[in-house]
Amino acid sequence: MSHEQQQSTQSIADYLAQLLKDRKQLAAFPNVFNHVERLLDEEIAKVRASLFQINGVRKEPLELPEPDGQAITLNEKVYVPTKEHPDVSLILLLLFYYANL
């Protein structure tokens, strides 16, 4: 990979990191900036897609076989010591909420 391509890839990765940081900050205001959230998610998807291009050739997604059998849901409890990590309980509640949407 040439030096110019490395710089381009690095700048795209930096831009993606900033977009993800912006989305994290925007998450503090759920359902307030709906259009901004949508536009930000679309831009993140475009930037991620551009990172998967190698030497100008688009890498196609894998062709996977159709699943067989029933879909199953797995649950696992994770115990977190709240005395040592009091801020984790709120984060876990948020993760649980968004995982069940």
Protein backbone atom coordinates (compact mmCIF):
# COMPACT_ATOMS: atom_id res chain seq x y z
CA MET A 1 0.00 0.00 0.00
CA SER A 2 1.46 3.37 -0.97
CA HIS A 3 2.01 6.20 1.49
CA GLU A 4 -0.81 8.20 -0.12
CA GLN A 5 -3.28 5.31 0.27
CA GLN A 6 -2.25 4.87 3.91
CA GLN A 7 -2.89 8.56 4.59
CA SER A 8 -6.26 8.35 2.85
CA THR A 9 -7.23 5.28 4.85
CA GLN A 10 -6.08 6.93 8.07
CA SER A 11 -8.07 10.11 7.35
CA ILE A 12 -11.19 8.04 6.61
CA ALA A 13 -10.67 6.12 9.87
CA ASP A 14 -10.25 9.40 11.77
CA TYR A 15 -13.43 10.76 10.18
CA LEU A 16 -15.30 7.58 11.14
CA ALA A 17 -14.02 7.85 14.72
CA GLN A 18 -15.30 11.44 14.90
CA LEU A 19 -18.70 10.40 13.50
CA LEU A 20 -18.98 7.64 16.09
CA LYS A 21 -18.02 10.09 18.83
CA ASP A 22 -20.70 12.50 17.59
CA ARG A 23 -23.30 9.72 17.58
CA LYS A 24 -22.36 8.80 21.15
CA GLN A 25 -22.82 12.42 22.25
CA LEU A 26 -26.12 12.62 20.38
CA ALA A 27 -27.35 9.53 22.24
CA ALA A 28 -27.69 11.72 25.33
CA PHE A 29 -30.77 13.23 23.64
CA PRO A 30 -32.82 10.23 22.43
CA ASN A 31 -35.71 10.96 20.06
CA VAL A 32 -34.95 14.70 20.00
CA PHE A 33 -32.86 15.04 16.83
CA ASN A 34 -34.39 12.26 14.72
CA HIS A 35 -33.27 13.64 11.35
CA VAL A 36 -29.76 14.33 12.58
CA GLU A 37 -29.54 10.77 13.95
CA ARG A 38 -30.68 9.36 10.60
CA LEU A 39 -28.24 11.50 8.60
CA LEU A 40 -25.40 10.61 10.95
CA ASP A 41 -26.17 6.89 10.69
CA GLU A 42 -26.27 7.14 6.88
CA GLU A 43 -22.91 8.92 6.81
CA ILE A 44 -21.39 6.31 9.14
CA ALA A 45 -22.64 3.55 6.83
CA LYS A 46 -21.12 5.27 3.77
CA VAL A 47 -17.77 5.78 5.47
CA ARG A 48 -17.67 2.19 6.70
CA ALA A 49 -18.45 0.98 3.18
CA SER A 50 -15.60 3.08 1.77
CA LEU A 51 -13.16 1.49 4.22
CA PHE A 52 -13.96 -1.94 2.77
CA GLN A 53 -12.74 -0.94 -0.67
CA ILE A 54 -9.24 -2.22 -1.36
CA ASN A 55 -7.24 -0.52 -4.15
CA GLY A 56 -10.45 0.88 -5.62
CA VAL A 57 -12.05 -2.57 -5.86
CA ARG A 58 -15.18 -3.00 -3.84
CA LYS A 59 -15.15 -6.10 -1.67
CA GLU A 60 -18.50 -7.88 -1.98
CA PRO A 61 -20.20 -9.37 1.08
CA LEU A 62 -19.99 -13.10 1.64
CA GLU A 63 -22.71 -15.31 0.21
CA LEU A 64 -23.94 -17.40 3.13
CA PRO A 65 -26.30 -20.38 2.94
CA GLU A 66 -29.84 -20.06 4.24
CA PRO A 67 -30.19 -20.93 7.94
CA ASP A 68 -31.90 -24.17 8.84
CA GLY A 69 -33.75 -24.97 12.05
CA GLN A 70 -35.48 -22.70 14.49
CA ALA A 71 -34.04 -19.42 15.69
CA ILE A 72 -33.07 -19.48 19.35
CA THR A 73 -32.39 -16.76 21.88
CA LEU A 74 -29.61 -17.15 24.40
CA ASN A 75 -29.48 -15.27 27.69
CA GLU A 76 -26.59 -15.02 30.08
CA LYS A 77 -26.44 -13.19 33.39
CA VAL A 78 -23.35 -11.13 34.03
CA TYR A 79 -22.79 -10.08 37.62
CA VAL A 80 -21.03 -6.76 38.11
CA PRO A 81 -19.83 -5.68 41.56
CA THR A 82 -21.71 -2.39 41.97
CA LYS A 83 -19.66 -1.22 44.95
CA GLU A 84 -16.51 -1.14 42.84
CA HIS A 85 -18.30 0.10 39.69
CA PRO A 86 -21.38 2.17 40.67
CA ASP A 87 -21.73 3.77 37.22
CA VAL A 88 -21.99 0.42 35.43
CA SER A 89 -25.58 -0.27 36.48
CA LEU A 90 -26.93 2.62 34.40
CA ILE A 91 -24.88 1.57 31.39
CA LEU A 92 -26.14 -2.00 31.68
CA LEU A 93 -29.73 -0.80 31.87
CA LEU A 94 -29.25 1.23 28.71
CA LEU A 95 -27.61 -1.69 26.92
CA PHE A 96 -30.41 -4.01 28.00
CA TYR A 97 -33.01 -1.52 26.79
CA TYR A 98 -31.44 -1.07 23.34
CA ALA A 99 -30.75 -4.79 22.94
CA ASN A 100 -34.44 -5.54 23.33
CA LEU A 101 -35.73 -3.00 20.78
